[in-house]
Amino acid sequence: MRDMLSPSTVLVASGEVLSGEFDAEAVILDLRNGVYYGLEDAGARIWQLLQRP
């Protein structure tokens, strides 16, 4: 089981991905393994916030 995040935990987006925004969605490409992720609404907003810790 993974550890819980604490209030002092700082999360940042990996520098090993490419991402872009389209309307209210985000697309992310992991350059290490070529996996593509698509995020809608809430996920896209969280990703946007992770860009600036």
C-alpha atoms as a PDB file:
ATOM      1  CA  MET A   1       0.000   0.000   0.000  1.00  0.00           C
ATOM      2  CA  ARG A   2       1.279   3.492  -0.829  1.00  0.00           C
ATOM      3  CA  ASP A   3       1.869   6.131   1.797  1.00  0.00           C
ATOM      4  CA  MET A   4      -0.695   8.884   2.200  1.00  0.00           C
ATOM      5  CA  LEU A   5       0.217  12.424   1.172  1.00  0.00           C
ATOM      6  CA  SER A   6       0.916  14.798   4.029  1.00  0.00           C
ATOM      7  CA  PRO A   7      -0.075  18.484   4.103  1.00  0.00           C
ATOM      8  CA  SER A   8       3.580  19.389   3.436  1.00  0.00           C
ATOM      9  CA  THR A   9       3.868  17.170   0.334  1.00  0.00           C
ATOM     10  CA  VAL A  10       4.678  19.084  -2.859  1.00  0.00           C
ATOM     11  CA  LEU A  11       3.631  17.484  -6.158  1.00  0.00           C
ATOM     12  CA  VAL A  12       5.026  18.594  -9.511  1.00  0.00           C
ATOM     13  CA  ALA A  13       4.552  17.383 -13.070  1.00  0.00           C
ATOM     14  CA  SER A  14       7.336  15.217 -14.483  1.00  0.00           C
ATOM     15  CA  GLY A  15       9.748  16.852 -16.891  1.00  0.00           C
ATOM     16  CA  GLU A  16       9.679  13.662 -18.971  1.00  0.00           C
ATOM     17  CA  VAL A  17       6.234  14.250 -20.467  1.00  0.00           C
ATOM     18  CA  LEU A  18       4.773  16.447 -23.166  1.00  0.00           C
ATOM     19  CA  SER A  19       1.349  17.914 -22.559  1.00  0.00           C
ATOM     20  CA  GLY A  20      -1.141  20.224 -24.167  1.00  0.00           C
ATOM     21  CA  GLU A  21      -4.586  21.630 -23.503  1.00  0.00           C
ATOM     22  CA  PHE A  22      -7.598  21.424 -25.800  1.00  0.00           C
ATOM     23  CA  ASP A  23     -10.766  23.144 -24.578  1.00  0.00           C
ATOM     24  CA  ALA A  24     -11.323  21.755 -21.046  1.00  0.00           C
ATOM     25  CA  GLU A  25      -9.184  18.659 -21.675  1.00  0.00           C
ATOM     26  CA  ALA A  26      -5.483  17.873 -21.328  1.00  0.00           C
ATOM     27  CA  VAL A  27      -3.422  15.346 -23.257  1.00  0.00           C
ATOM     28  CA  ILE A  28      -0.182  13.971 -21.850  1.00  0.00           C
ATOM     29  CA  LEU A  29       2.465  11.838 -23.585  1.00  0.00           C
ATOM     30  CA  ASP A  30       4.974  10.025 -21.376  1.00  0.00           C
ATOM     31  CA  LEU A  31       8.228  10.171 -23.355  1.00  0.00           C
ATOM     32  CA  ARG A  32       9.796   7.284 -21.416  1.00  0.00           C
ATOM     33  CA  ASN A  33       7.268   4.652 -22.475  1.00  0.00           C
ATOM     34  CA  GLY A  34       5.101   6.279 -25.155  1.00  0.00           C
ATOM     35  CA  VAL A  35       1.909   6.031 -23.086  1.00  0.00           C
ATOM     36  CA  TYR A  36      -0.764   8.628 -23.874  1.00  0.00           C
ATOM     37  CA  TYR A  37      -3.161   9.976 -21.249  1.00  0.00           C
ATOM     38  CA  GLY A  38      -6.296  12.047 -21.778  1.00  0.00           C
ATOM     39  CA  LEU A  39      -7.714  14.068 -18.893  1.00  0.00           C
ATOM     40  CA  GLU A  40     -11.127  15.693 -18.786  1.00  0.00           C
ATOM     41  CA  ASP A  41     -12.428  18.594 -16.671  1.00  0.00           C
ATOM     42  CA  ALA A  42     -11.213  17.976 -13.097  1.00  0.00           C
ATOM     43  CA  GLY A  43      -8.167  15.952 -14.147  1.00  0.00           C
ATOM     44  CA  ALA A  44      -7.158  18.629 -16.655  1.00  0.00           C
ATOM     45  CA  ARG A  45      -7.483  21.325 -13.982  1.00  0.00           C
ATOM     46  CA  ILE A  46      -5.353  19.335 -11.535  1.00  0.00           C
ATOM     47  CA  TRP A  47      -2.718  18.816 -14.246  1.00  0.00           C
ATOM     48  CA  GLN A  48      -2.776  22.554 -14.965  1.00  0.00           C
ATOM     49  CA  LEU A  49      -2.180  23.307 -11.277  1.00  0.00           C
ATOM     50  CA  LEU A  50       0.722  20.825 -11.134  1.00  0.00           C
ATOM     51  CA  GLN A  51       2.539  22.850 -13.788  1.00  0.00           C
ATOM     52  CA  ARG A  52       3.257  25.592 -11.234  1.00  0.00           C
ATOM     53  CA  PRO A  53       4.015  24.294  -7.752  1.00  0.00           C
END
